[in-house]
PDB file of N, CA and C in Angstrom:
ATOM      1  N   UNK A   1       4.306   3.824  19.820  1.00  0.00           N
ATOM      2  CA  UNK A   1       4.740   4.549  18.637  1.00  0.00           C
ATOM      3  C   UNK A   1       4.662   6.046  18.928  1.00  0.00           C
ATOM      4  N   UNK A   2       5.678   6.772  18.526  1.00  0.00           N
ATOM      5  CA  UNK A   2       5.721   8.204  18.789  1.00  0.00           C
ATOM      6  C   UNK A   2       4.761   8.958  17.866  1.00  0.00           C
ATOM      7  N   UNK A   3       4.435  10.157  18.273  1.00  0.00           N
ATOM      8  CA  UNK A   3       3.544  11.006  17.470  1.00  0.00           C
ATOM      9  C   UNK A   3       4.178  11.302  16.108  1.00  0.00           C
ATOM     10  N   UNK A   4       5.485  11.497  16.100  1.00  0.00           N
ATOM     11  CA  UNK A   4       6.191  11.761  14.846  1.00  0.00           C
ATOM     12  C   UNK A   4       6.027  10.606  13.863  1.00  0.00           C
ATOM     13  N   UNK A   5       6.182   9.375  14.356  1.00  0.00           N
ATOM     14  CA  UNK A   5       6.059   8.212  13.486  1.00  0.00           C
ATOM     15  C   UNK A   5       4.621   8.034  12.997  1.00  0.00           C
ATOM     16  N   UNK A   6       3.661   8.365  13.845  1.00  0.00           N
ATOM     17  CA  UNK A   6       2.262   8.308  13.412  1.00  0.00           C
ATOM     18  C   UNK A   6       2.020   9.272  12.264  1.00  0.00           C
ATOM     19  N   UNK A   7       2.598  10.461  12.368  1.00  0.00           N
ATOM     20  CA  UNK A   7       2.446  11.457  11.296  1.00  0.00           C
ATOM     21  C   UNK A   7       3.137  11.002  10.016  1.00  0.00           C
ATOM     22  N   UNK A   8       4.338  10.469  10.149  1.00  0.00           N
ATOM     23  CA  UNK A   8       5.075   9.979   8.979  1.00  0.00           C
ATOM     24  C   UNK A   8       4.267   8.881   8.286  1.00  0.00           C
ATOM     25  N   UNK A   9       3.770   7.925   9.058  1.00  0.00           N
ATOM     26  CA  UNK A   9       2.971   6.835   8.492  1.00  0.00           C
ATOM     27  C   UNK A   9       1.711   7.366   7.816  1.00  0.00           C
ATOM     28  N   UNK A  10       1.074   8.329   8.443  1.00  0.00           N
ATOM     29  CA  UNK A  10      -0.153   8.906   7.888  1.00  0.00           C
ATOM     30  C   UNK A  10       0.112   9.620   6.563  1.00  0.00           C
ATOM     31  N   UNK A  11       1.186  10.381   6.502  1.00  0.00           N
ATOM     32  CA  UNK A  11       1.528  11.112   5.280  1.00  0.00           C
ATOM     33  C   UNK A  11       1.908  10.131   4.170  1.00  0.00           C
ATOM     34  N   UNK A  12       2.702   9.131   4.501  1.00  0.00           N
ATOM     35  CA  UNK A  12       3.090   8.137   3.492  1.00  0.00           C
ATOM     36  C   UNK A  12       1.843   7.412   2.982  1.00  0.00           C
ATOM     37  N   UNK A  13       0.962   7.040   3.881  1.00  0.00           N
ATOM     38  CA  UNK A  13      -0.267   6.350   3.474  1.00  0.00           C
ATOM     39  C   UNK A  13      -1.087   7.213   2.518  1.00  0.00           C
ATOM     40  N   UNK A  14      -1.279   8.468   2.863  1.00  0.00           N
ATOM     41  CA  UNK A  14      -2.070   9.371   2.025  1.00  0.00           C
ATOM     42  C   UNK A  14      -1.428   9.565   0.657  1.00  0.00           C
ATOM     43  N   UNK A  15      -0.138   9.833   0.634  1.00  0.00           N
ATOM     44  CA  UNK A  15       0.556  10.120  -0.619  1.00  0.00           C
ATOM     45  C   UNK A  15       0.646   8.888  -1.522  1.00  0.00           C
ATOM     46  N   UNK A  16       0.964   7.731  -0.946  1.00  0.00           N
ATOM     47  CA  UNK A  16       1.069   6.520  -1.751  1.00  0.00           C
ATOM     48  C   UNK A  16      -0.314   6.123  -2.277  1.00  0.00           C
ATOM     49  N   UNK A  17      -1.342   6.299  -1.474  1.00  0.00           N
ATOM     50  CA  UNK A  17      -2.707   6.020  -1.943  1.00  0.00           C
ATOM     51  C   UNK A  17      -3.036   6.861  -3.169  1.00  0.00           C
ATOM     52  N   UNK A  18      -2.688   8.127  -3.091  1.00  0.00           N
ATOM     53  CA  UNK A  18      -2.949   9.035  -4.210  1.00  0.00           C
ATOM     54  C   UNK A  18      -2.124   8.644  -5.438  1.00  0.00           C
ATOM     55  N   UNK A  19      -0.866   8.302  -5.226  1.00  0.00           N
ATOM     56  CA  UNK A  19      -0.007   7.894  -6.343  1.00  0.00           C
ATOM     57  C   UNK A  19      -0.514   6.624  -7.012  1.00  0.00           C
ATOM     58  N   UNK A  20      -0.957   5.677  -6.211  1.00  0.00           N
ATOM     59  CA  UNK A  20      -1.482   4.434  -6.777  1.00  0.00           C
ATOM     60  C   UNK A  20      -2.722   4.723  -7.605  1.00  0.00           C
ATOM     61  N   UNK A  21      -3.589   5.563  -7.073  1.00  0.00           N
ATOM     62  CA  UNK A  21      -4.831   5.887  -7.772  1.00  0.00           C
ATOM     63  C   UNK A  21      -4.567   6.606  -9.093  1.00  0.00           C
ATOM     64  N   UNK A  22      -3.645   7.556  -9.083  1.00  0.00           N
ATOM     65  CA  UNK A  22      -3.402   8.383 -10.261  1.00  0.00           C
ATOM     66  C   UNK A  22      -2.435   7.771 -11.269  1.00  0.00           C
ATOM     67  N   UNK A  23      -1.453   7.013 -10.806  1.00  0.00           N
ATOM     68  CA  UNK A  23      -0.355   6.616 -11.682  1.00  0.00           C
ATOM     69  C   UNK A  23      -0.320   5.153 -12.095  1.00  0.00           C
ATOM     70  N   UNK A  24      -1.101   4.306 -11.457  1.00  0.00           N
ATOM     71  CA  UNK A  24      -1.054   2.890 -11.809  1.00  0.00           C
ATOM     72  C   UNK A  24      -2.383   2.498 -12.434  1.00  0.00           C
ATOM     73  N   UNK A  25      -2.291   1.935 -13.629  1.00  0.00           N
ATOM     74  CA  UNK A  25      -3.489   1.477 -14.330  1.00  0.00           C
ATOM     75  C   UNK A  25      -3.645  -0.024 -14.117  1.00  0.00           C
ATOM     76  N   UNK A  26      -4.474  -0.353 -13.142  1.00  0.00           N
ATOM     77  CA  UNK A  26      -4.810  -1.758 -12.942  1.00  0.00           C
ATOM     78  C   UNK A  26      -5.869  -2.138 -13.960  1.00  0.00           C
ATOM     79  N   UNK A  27      -6.000  -3.428 -14.204  1.00  0.00           N
ATOM     80  CA  UNK A  27      -7.039  -3.845 -15.135  1.00  0.00           C
ATOM     81  C   UNK A  27      -8.406  -3.490 -14.546  1.00  0.00           C
ATOM     82  N   UNK A  28      -9.431  -3.405 -15.392  1.00  0.00           N
ATOM     83  CA  UNK A  28     -10.756  -2.980 -14.928  1.00  0.00           C
ATOM     84  C   UNK A  28     -11.273  -3.831 -13.761  1.00  0.00           C
ATOM     85  N   UNK A  29     -11.961  -3.160 -12.858  1.00  0.00           N
ATOM     86  CA  UNK A  29     -12.601  -3.793 -11.705  1.00  0.00           C
ATOM     87  C   UNK A  29     -11.624  -4.396 -10.703  1.00  0.00           C
ATOM     88  N   UNK A  30     -10.387  -3.928 -10.693  1.00  0.00           N
ATOM     89  CA  UNK A  30      -9.429  -4.321  -9.663  1.00  0.00           C
ATOM     90  C   UNK A  30      -9.167  -3.079  -8.820  1.00  0.00           C
ATOM     91  N   UNK A  31      -9.394  -3.211  -7.526  1.00  0.00           N
ATOM     92  CA  UNK A  31      -9.238  -2.086  -6.623  1.00  0.00           C
ATOM     93  C   UNK A  31      -8.186  -2.412  -5.576  1.00  0.00           C
ATOM     94  N   UNK A  32      -7.277  -1.476  -5.372  1.00  0.00           N
ATOM     95  CA  UNK A  32      -6.206  -1.644  -4.395  1.00  0.00           C
ATOM     96  C   UNK A  32      -6.308  -0.504  -3.388  1.00  0.00           C
ATOM     97  N   UNK A  33      -6.358  -0.861  -2.115  1.00  0.00           N
ATOM     98  CA  UNK A  33      -6.395   0.153  -1.064  1.00  0.00           C
ATOM     99  C   UNK A  33      -5.283  -0.114  -0.062  1.00  0.00           C
ATOM    100  N   UNK A  34      -4.833   0.942   0.557  1.00  0.00           N
ATOM    101  CA  UNK A  34      -3.804   0.808   1.583  1.00  0.00           C
ATOM    102  C   UNK A  34      -4.505   0.762   2.932  1.00  0.00           C
ATOM    103  N   UNK A  35      -4.248  -0.301   3.674  1.00  0.00           N
ATOM    104  CA  UNK A  35      -4.900  -0.450   4.969  1.00  0.00           C
ATOM    105  C   UNK A  35      -4.028   0.045   6.120  1.00  0.00           C
ATOM    106  N   UNK A  36      -2.710  -0.020   5.942  1.00  0.00           N
ATOM    107  CA  UNK A  36      -1.821   0.347   7.043  1.00  0.00           C
ATOM    108  C   UNK A  36      -0.427   0.624   6.497  1.00  0.00           C
ATOM    109  N   UNK A  37       0.281   1.521   7.160  1.00  0.00           N
ATOM    110  CA  UNK A  37       1.675   1.790   6.833  1.00  0.00           C
ATOM    111  C   UNK A  37       2.470   1.680   8.127  1.00  0.00           C
ATOM    112  N   UNK A  38       3.575   0.974   8.078  1.00  0.00           N
ATOM    113  CA  UNK A  38       4.420   0.771   9.255  1.00  0.00           C
ATOM    114  C   UNK A  38       5.860   1.105   8.881  1.00  0.00           C
ATOM    115  N   UNK A  39       6.359   2.218   9.401  1.00  0.00           N
ATOM    116  CA  UNK A  39       7.710   2.687   9.097  1.00  0.00           C
ATOM    117  C   UNK A  39       8.603   2.476  10.315  1.00  0.00           C
ATOM    118  N   UNK A  40       9.841   2.040  10.069  1.00  0.00           N
ATOM    119  CA  UNK A  40      10.775   1.848  11.173  1.00  0.00           C
ATOM    120  C   UNK A  40      11.174   3.208  11.753  1.00  0.00           C
ATOM    121  N   UNK A  41      11.584   3.204  13.013  1.00  0.00           N
ATOM    122  CA  UNK A  41      11.936   4.454  13.699  1.00  0.00           C
ATOM    123  C   UNK A  41      13.086   5.202  13.042  1.00  0.00           C
ATOM    124  N   UNK A  42      13.995   4.473  12.392  1.00  0.00           N
ATOM    125  CA  UNK A  42      15.123   5.124  11.730  1.00  0.00           C
ATOM    126  C   UNK A  42      14.788   5.581  10.299  1.00  0.00           C
ATOM    127  N   UNK A  43      13.526   5.403   9.892  1.00  0.00           N
ATOM    128  CA  UNK A  43      13.015   5.822   8.573  1.00  0.00           C
ATOM    129  C   UNK A  43      13.688   5.105   7.400  1.00  0.00           C
ATOM    130  N   UNK A  44      14.286   3.982   7.643  1.00  0.00           N
ATOM    131  CA  UNK A  44      14.966   3.253   6.564  1.00  0.00           C
ATOM    132  C   UNK A  44      13.996   2.382   5.753  1.00  0.00           C
ATOM    133  N   UNK A  45      12.983   1.835   6.412  1.00  0.00           N
ATOM    134  CA  UNK A  45      12.065   0.912   5.745  1.00  0.00           C
ATOM    135  C   UNK A  45      10.621   1.234   6.108  1.00  0.00           C
ATOM    136  N   UNK A  46       9.752   1.035   5.138  1.00  0.00           N
ATOM    137  CA  UNK A  46       8.327   1.156   5.410  1.00  0.00           C
ATOM    138  C   UNK A  46       7.596   0.008   4.732  1.00  0.00           C
ATOM    139  N   UNK A  47       6.727  -0.602   5.500  1.00  0.00           N
ATOM    140  CA  UNK A  47       5.897  -1.683   4.964  1.00  0.00           C
ATOM    141  C   UNK A  47       4.512  -1.107   4.704  1.00  0.00           C
ATOM    142  N   UNK A  48       4.042  -1.293   3.487  1.00  0.00           N
ATOM    143  CA  UNK A  48       2.738  -0.772   3.093  1.00  0.00           C
ATOM    144  C   UNK A  48       1.814  -1.963   2.893  1.00  0.00           C
ATOM    145  N   UNK A  49       0.829  -2.070   3.761  1.00  0.00           N
ATOM    146  CA  UNK A  49      -0.116  -3.181   3.713  1.00  0.00           C
ATOM    147  C   UNK A  49      -1.275  -2.804   2.799  1.00  0.00           C
ATOM    148  N   UNK A  50      -1.536  -3.662   1.826  1.00  0.00           N
ATOM    149  CA  UNK A  50      -2.574  -3.367   0.839  1.00  0.00           C
ATOM    150  C   UNK A  50      -3.641  -4.455   0.833  1.00  0.00           C
ATOM    151  N   UNK A  51      -4.853  -4.015   0.512  1.00  0.00           N
ATOM    152  CA  UNK A  51      -5.983  -4.930   0.305  1.00  0.00           C
ATOM    153  C   UNK A  51      -6.330  -4.867  -1.173  1.00  0.00           C
ATOM    154  N   UNK A  52      -6.683  -6.002  -1.743  1.00  0.00           N
ATOM    155  CA  UNK A  52      -7.008  -6.091  -3.165  1.00  0.00           C
ATOM    156  C   UNK A  52      -8.413  -6.669  -3.302  1.00  0.00           C
ATOM    157  N   UNK A  53      -9.203  -5.992  -4.112  1.00  0.00           N
ATOM    158  CA  UNK A  53     -10.561  -6.462  -4.409  1.00  0.00           C
ATOM    159  C   UNK A  53     -10.694  -6.608  -5.917  1.00  0.00           C
ATOM    160  N   UNK A  54     -11.193  -7.632  -6.459  1.00  0.00           N
ATOM    161  CA  UNK A  54     -11.558  -8.885  -5.797  1.00  0.00           C
ATOM    162  C   UNK A  54     -10.324  -9.698  -5.424  1.00  0.00           C
ATOM    163  N   UNK A  55     -10.524 -10.560  -4.501  1.00  0.00           N
ATOM    164  CA  UNK A  55      -9.459 -11.359  -3.900  1.00  0.00           C
ATOM    165  C   UNK A  55      -8.647 -12.143  -4.927  1.00  0.00           C
ATOM    166  N   UNK A  56      -9.275 -12.611  -5.984  1.00  0.00           N
ATOM    167  CA  UNK A  56      -8.582 -13.463  -6.959  1.00  0.00           C
ATOM    168  C   UNK A  56      -7.510 -12.713  -7.752  1.00  0.00           C
ATOM    169  N   UNK A  57      -7.447 -11.393  -7.643  1.00  0.00           N
ATOM    170  CA  UNK A  57      -6.447 -10.598  -8.374  1.00  0.00           C
ATOM    171  C   UNK A  57      -5.249 -10.185  -7.521  1.00  0.00           C
ATOM    172  N   UNK A  58      -5.052 -10.848  -6.406  1.00  0.00           N
ATOM    173  CA  UNK A  58      -3.959 -10.480  -5.493  1.00  0.00           C
ATOM    174  C   UNK A  58      -2.599 -10.598  -6.168  1.00  0.00           C
ATOM    175  N   UNK A  59      -2.337 -11.719  -6.813  1.00  0.00           N
ATOM    176  CA  UNK A  59      -1.027 -11.922  -7.450  1.00  0.00           C
ATOM    177  C   UNK A  59      -0.757 -10.848  -8.499  1.00  0.00           C
ATOM    178  N   UNK A  60      -1.748 -10.596  -9.324  1.00  0.00           N
ATOM    179  CA  UNK A  60      -1.615  -9.570 -10.368  1.00  0.00           C
ATOM    180  C   UNK A  60      -1.327  -8.198  -9.747  1.00  0.00           C
ATOM    181  N   UNK A  61      -2.100  -7.813  -8.743  1.00  0.00           N
ATOM    182  CA  UNK A  61      -1.948  -6.492  -8.129  1.00  0.00           C
ATOM    183  C   UNK A  61      -0.602  -6.353  -7.421  1.00  0.00           C
ATOM    184  N   UNK A  62      -0.174  -7.380  -6.720  1.00  0.00           N
ATOM    185  CA  UNK A  62       1.099  -7.315  -6.007  1.00  0.00           C
ATOM    186  C   UNK A  62       2.275  -7.234  -6.980  1.00  0.00           C
ATOM    187  N   UNK A  63       2.209  -7.964  -8.086  1.00  0.00           N
ATOM    188  CA  UNK A  63       3.272  -7.883  -9.105  1.00  0.00           C
ATOM    189  C   UNK A  63       3.309  -6.487  -9.727  1.00  0.00           C
ATOM    190  N   UNK A  64       2.141  -5.916  -9.967  1.00  0.00           N
ATOM    191  CA  UNK A  64       2.069  -4.573 -10.541  1.00  0.00           C
ATOM    192  C   UNK A  64       2.651  -3.544  -9.581  1.00  0.00           C
ATOM    193  N   UNK A  65       2.295  -3.639  -8.308  1.00  0.00           N
ATOM    194  CA  UNK A  65       2.830  -2.710  -7.305  1.00  0.00           C
ATOM    195  C   UNK A  65       4.344  -2.842  -7.192  1.00  0.00           C
ATOM    196  N   UNK A  66       4.832  -4.052  -7.177  1.00  0.00           N
ATOM    197  CA  UNK A  66       6.282  -4.262  -7.080  1.00  0.00           C
ATOM    198  C   UNK A  66       6.988  -3.694  -8.310  1.00  0.00           C
ATOM    199  N   UNK A  67       6.401  -3.865  -9.465  1.00  0.00           N
ATOM    200  CA  UNK A  67       6.976  -3.324 -10.700  1.00  0.00           C
ATOM    201  C   UNK A  67       7.043  -1.797 -10.660  1.00  0.00           C
ATOM    202  N   UNK A  68       6.069  -1.147 -10.038  1.00  0.00           N
ATOM    203  CA  UNK A  68       5.992   0.318  -9.981  1.00  0.00           C
ATOM    204  C   UNK A  68       6.621   0.910  -8.723  1.00  0.00           C
ATOM    205  N   UNK A  69       7.133   0.076  -7.833  1.00  0.00           N
ATOM    206  CA  UNK A  69       7.641   0.525  -6.537  1.00  0.00           C
ATOM    207  C   UNK A  69       8.708   1.617  -6.639  1.00  0.00           C
ATOM    208  N   UNK A  70       9.685   1.446  -7.494  1.00  0.00           N
ATOM    209  CA  UNK A  70      10.780   2.419  -7.611  1.00  0.00           C
ATOM    210  C   UNK A  70      10.241   3.764  -8.106  1.00  0.00           C
ATOM    211  N   UNK A  71       9.359   3.737  -9.083  1.00  0.00           N
ATOM    212  CA  UNK A  71       8.771   4.981  -9.596  1.00  0.00           C
ATOM    213  C   UNK A  71       7.971   5.693  -8.505  1.00  0.00           C
ATOM    214  N   UNK A  72       7.225   4.927  -7.720  1.00  0.00           N
ATOM    215  CA  UNK A  72       6.450   5.519  -6.625  1.00  0.00           C
ATOM    216  C   UNK A  72       7.391   6.129  -5.597  1.00  0.00           C
ATOM    217  N   UNK A  73       8.469   5.432  -5.272  1.00  0.00           N
ATOM    218  CA  UNK A  73       9.442   5.949  -4.303  1.00  0.00           C
ATOM    219  C   UNK A  73      10.056   7.265  -4.774  1.00  0.00           C
ATOM    220  N   UNK A  74      10.394   7.357  -6.059  1.00  0.00           N
ATOM    221  CA  UNK A  74      10.997   8.585  -6.588  1.00  0.00           C
ATOM    222  C   UNK A  74      10.034   9.764  -6.483  1.00  0.00           C
ATOM    223  N   UNK A  75       8.790   9.550  -6.869  1.00  0.00           N
ATOM    224  CA  UNK A  75       7.800  10.626  -6.789  1.00  0.00           C
ATOM    225  C   UNK A  75       7.570  11.012  -5.330  1.00  0.00           C
ATOM    226  N   UNK A  76       7.471  10.019  -4.467  1.00  0.00           N
ATOM    227  CA  UNK A  76       7.255  10.274  -3.050  1.00  0.00           C
ATOM    228  C   UNK A  76       8.405  11.080  -2.453  1.00  0.00           C
ATOM    229  N   UNK A  77       9.624  10.756  -2.858  1.00  0.00           N
ATOM    230  CA  UNK A  77      10.792  11.475  -2.358  1.00  0.00           C
ATOM    231  C   UNK A  77      10.728  12.963  -2.713  1.00  0.00           C
ATOM    232  N   UNK A  78      10.284  13.269  -3.919  1.00  0.00           N
ATOM    233  CA  UNK A  78      10.159  14.668  -4.346  1.00  0.00           C
ATOM    234  C   UNK A  78       9.064  15.388  -3.561  1.00  0.00           C
ATOM    235  N   UNK A  79       8.007  14.681  -3.224  1.00  0.00           N
ATOM    236  CA  UNK A  79       6.869  15.304  -2.552  1.00  0.00           C
ATOM    237  C   UNK A  79       7.091  15.486  -1.056  1.00  0.00           C
ATOM    238  N   UNK A  80       7.782  14.565  -0.403  1.00  0.00           N
ATOM    239  CA  UNK A  80       7.874  14.589   1.059  1.00  0.00           C
ATOM    240  C   UNK A  80       9.068  15.359   1.605  1.00  0.00           C
ATOM    241  N   UNK A  81      10.126  15.462   0.853  1.00  0.00           N
ATOM    242  CA  UNK A  81      11.323  16.192   1.291  1.00  0.00           C
ATOM    243  C   UNK A  81      11.870  15.662   2.621  1.00  0.00           C
ATOM    244  N   UNK A  82      11.851  14.347   2.787  1.00  0.00           N
ATOM    245  CA  UNK A  82      12.451  13.752   3.979  1.00  0.00           C
ATOM    246  C   UNK A  82      13.941  13.583   3.754  1.00  0.00           C
ATOM    247  N   UNK A  83      14.705  13.712   4.814  1.00  0.00           N
ATOM    248  CA  UNK A  83      16.146  13.528   4.717  1.00  0.00           C
ATOM    249  C   UNK A  83      16.463  12.109   4.234  1.00  0.00           C
ATOM    250  N   UNK A  84      15.771  11.143   4.814  1.00  0.00           N
ATOM    251  CA  UNK A  84      15.921   9.748   4.424  1.00  0.00           C
ATOM    252  C   UNK A  84      14.558   9.279   3.934  1.00  0.00           C
ATOM    253  N   UNK A  85      14.528   8.743   2.739  1.00  0.00           N
ATOM    254  CA  UNK A  85      13.269   8.187   2.244  1.00  0.00           C
ATOM    255  C   UNK A  85      13.296   6.686   2.494  1.00  0.00           C
ATOM    256  N   UNK A  86      12.293   6.195   3.215  1.00  0.00           N
ATOM    257  CA  UNK A  86      12.281   4.758   3.515  1.00  0.00           C
ATOM    258  C   UNK A  86      12.134   3.903   2.267  1.00  0.00           C
ATOM    259  N   UNK A  87      12.789   2.759   2.278  1.00  0.00           N
ATOM    260  CA  UNK A  87      12.614   1.787   1.201  1.00  0.00           C
ATOM    261  C   UNK A  87      11.269   1.108   1.426  1.00  0.00           C
ATOM    262  N   UNK A  88      10.430   1.151   0.398  1.00  0.00           N
ATOM    263  CA  UNK A  88       9.072   0.629   0.524  1.00  0.00           C
ATOM    264  C   UNK A  88       9.000  -0.831   0.131  1.00  0.00           C
ATOM    265  N   UNK A  89       8.117  -1.522   0.812  1.00  0.00           N
ATOM    266  CA  UNK A  89       7.745  -2.868   0.385  1.00  0.00           C
ATOM    267  C   UNK A  89       6.232  -2.987   0.540  1.00  0.00           C
ATOM    268  N   UNK A  90       5.607  -3.606  -0.437  1.00  0.00           N
ATOM    269  CA  UNK A  90       4.168  -3.799  -0.411  1.00  0.00           C
ATOM    270  C   UNK A  90       3.877  -5.199   0.111  1.00  0.00           C
ATOM    271  N   UNK A  91       2.953  -5.270   1.053  1.00  0.00           N
ATOM    272  CA  UNK A  91       2.602  -6.539   1.685  1.00  0.00           C
ATOM    273  C   UNK A  91       1.095  -6.705   1.615  1.00  0.00           C
ATOM    274  N   UNK A  92       0.678  -7.889   1.228  1.00  0.00           N
ATOM    275  CA  UNK A  92      -0.755  -8.172   1.178  1.00  0.00           C
ATOM    276  C   UNK A  92      -1.296  -8.238   2.606  1.00  0.00           C
ATOM    277  N   UNK A  93      -2.308  -7.425   2.889  1.00  0.00           N
ATOM    278  CA  UNK A  93      -2.943  -7.406   4.208  1.00  0.00           C
ATOM    279  C   UNK A  93      -3.981  -8.523   4.247  1.00  0.00           C
ATOM    280  N   UNK A  94      -3.697  -9.539   5.022  1.00  0.00           N
ATOM    281  CA  UNK A  94      -4.566 -10.719   5.071  1.00  0.00           C
ATOM    282  C   UNK A  94      -5.606 -10.656   6.175  1.00  0.00           C
ATOM    283  N   UNK A  95      -5.670  -9.558   6.911  1.00  0.00           N
ATOM    284  CA  UNK A  95      -6.571  -9.490   8.060  1.00  0.00           C
ATOM    285  C   UNK A  95      -8.035  -9.609   7.678  1.00  0.00           C
ATOM    286  N   UNK A  96      -8.413  -9.166   6.501  1.00  0.00           N
ATOM    287  CA  UNK A  96      -9.816  -9.217   6.118  1.00  0.00           C
ATOM    288  C   UNK A  96     -10.174 -10.376   5.210  1.00  0.00           C
ATOM    289  N   UNK A  97      -9.211 -11.235   4.898  1.00  0.00           N
ATOM    290  CA  UNK A  97      -9.472 -12.330   3.971  1.00  0.00           C
ATOM    291  C   UNK A  97     -10.553 -13.274   4.473  1.00  0.00           C
ATOM    292  N   UNK A  98     -10.544 -13.562   5.772  1.00  0.00           N
ATOM    293  CA  UNK A  98     -11.564 -14.449   6.329  1.00  0.00           C
ATOM    294  C   UNK A  98     -12.953 -13.846   6.163  1.00  0.00           C
ATOM    295  N   UNK A  99     -13.059 -12.558   6.368  1.00  0.00           N
ATOM    296  CA  UNK A  99     -14.341 -11.870   6.212  1.00  0.00           C
ATOM    297  C   UNK A  99     -14.813 -11.972   4.770  1.00  0.00           C
ATOM    298  N   UNK A 100     -13.910 -11.772   3.829  1.00  0.00           N
ATOM    299  CA  UNK A 100     -14.254 -11.870   2.405  1.00  0.00           C
ATOM    300  C   UNK A 100     -14.735 -13.276   2.054  1.00  0.00           C
ATOM    301  N   UNK A 101     -14.041 -14.289   2.568  1.00  0.00           N
ATOM    302  CA  UNK A 101     -14.433 -15.669   2.278  1.00  0.00           C
ATOM    303  C   UNK A 101     -15.823 -15.970   2.830  1.00  0.00           C
ATOM    304  N   UNK A 102     -16.080 -15.551   4.054  1.00  0.00           N
ATOM    305  CA  UNK A 102     -17.387 -15.798   4.675  1.00  0.00           C
ATOM    306  C   UNK A 102     -18.483 -15.080   3.897  1.00  0.00           C
ATOM    307  N   UNK A 103     -18.209 -13.828   3.516  1.00  0.00           N
ATOM    308  CA  UNK A 103     -19.207 -13.081   2.756  1.00  0.00           C
ATOM    309  C   UNK A 103     -19.505 -13.766   1.424  1.00  0.00           C
ATOM    310  N   UNK A 104     -18.477 -14.262   0.758  1.00  0.00           N
ATOM    311  CA  UNK A 104     -18.664 -14.931  -0.524  1.00  0.00           C
ATOM    312  C   UNK A 104     -19.475 -16.228  -0.325  1.00  0.00           C
ATOM    313  N   UNK A 105     -19.183 -16.967   0.720  1.00  0.00           N
ATOM    314  CA  UNK A 105     -19.931 -18.190   1.006  1.00  0.00           C
ATOM    315  C   UNK A 105     -21.403 -17.888   1.301  1.00  0.00           C
ATOM    316  N   UNK A 106     -21.644 -16.813   2.026  1.00  0.00           N
ATOM    317  CA  UNK A 106     -23.025 -16.430   2.327  1.00  0.00           C
ATOM    318  C   UNK A 106     -23.790 -16.026   1.076  1.00  0.00           C
ATOM    319  N   UNK A 107     -23.126 -15.369   0.150  1.00  0.00           N
ATOM    320  CA  UNK A 107     -23.778 -14.962  -1.089  1.00  0.00           C
ATOM    321  C   UNK A 107     -24.120 -16.167  -1.955  1.00  0.00           C
ATOM    322  N   UNK A 108     -23.283 -17.203  -1.890  1.00  0.00           N
ATOM    323  CA  UNK A 108     -23.534 -18.412  -2.680  1.00  0.00           C
ATOM    324  C   UNK A 108     -24.687 -19.175  -2.085  1.00  0.00           C
TER     325      UNK A 108
END
């Protein structure tokens, strides 16, 4: 991955994280974090990998993010001033799910 793409991914991650925190009202005790951003080299698409805590609220959080996606894209476009704004898609990051399950089993 080029240095330029690393910077683009980093900026998108930071800005979308801030937008989610400030502009989306999730129900109490639901936390959404961005774990990774992967943008195509032509800047047409970006996949935003999210983690949801607690795990049982994944469906709710993903539906909420999808519902707010266009609004987030519009705000992001104004803030970043990129020639092409990538079309965003939110993807549940499953890399830590096994860790969460094991931790929950240990607590029980």
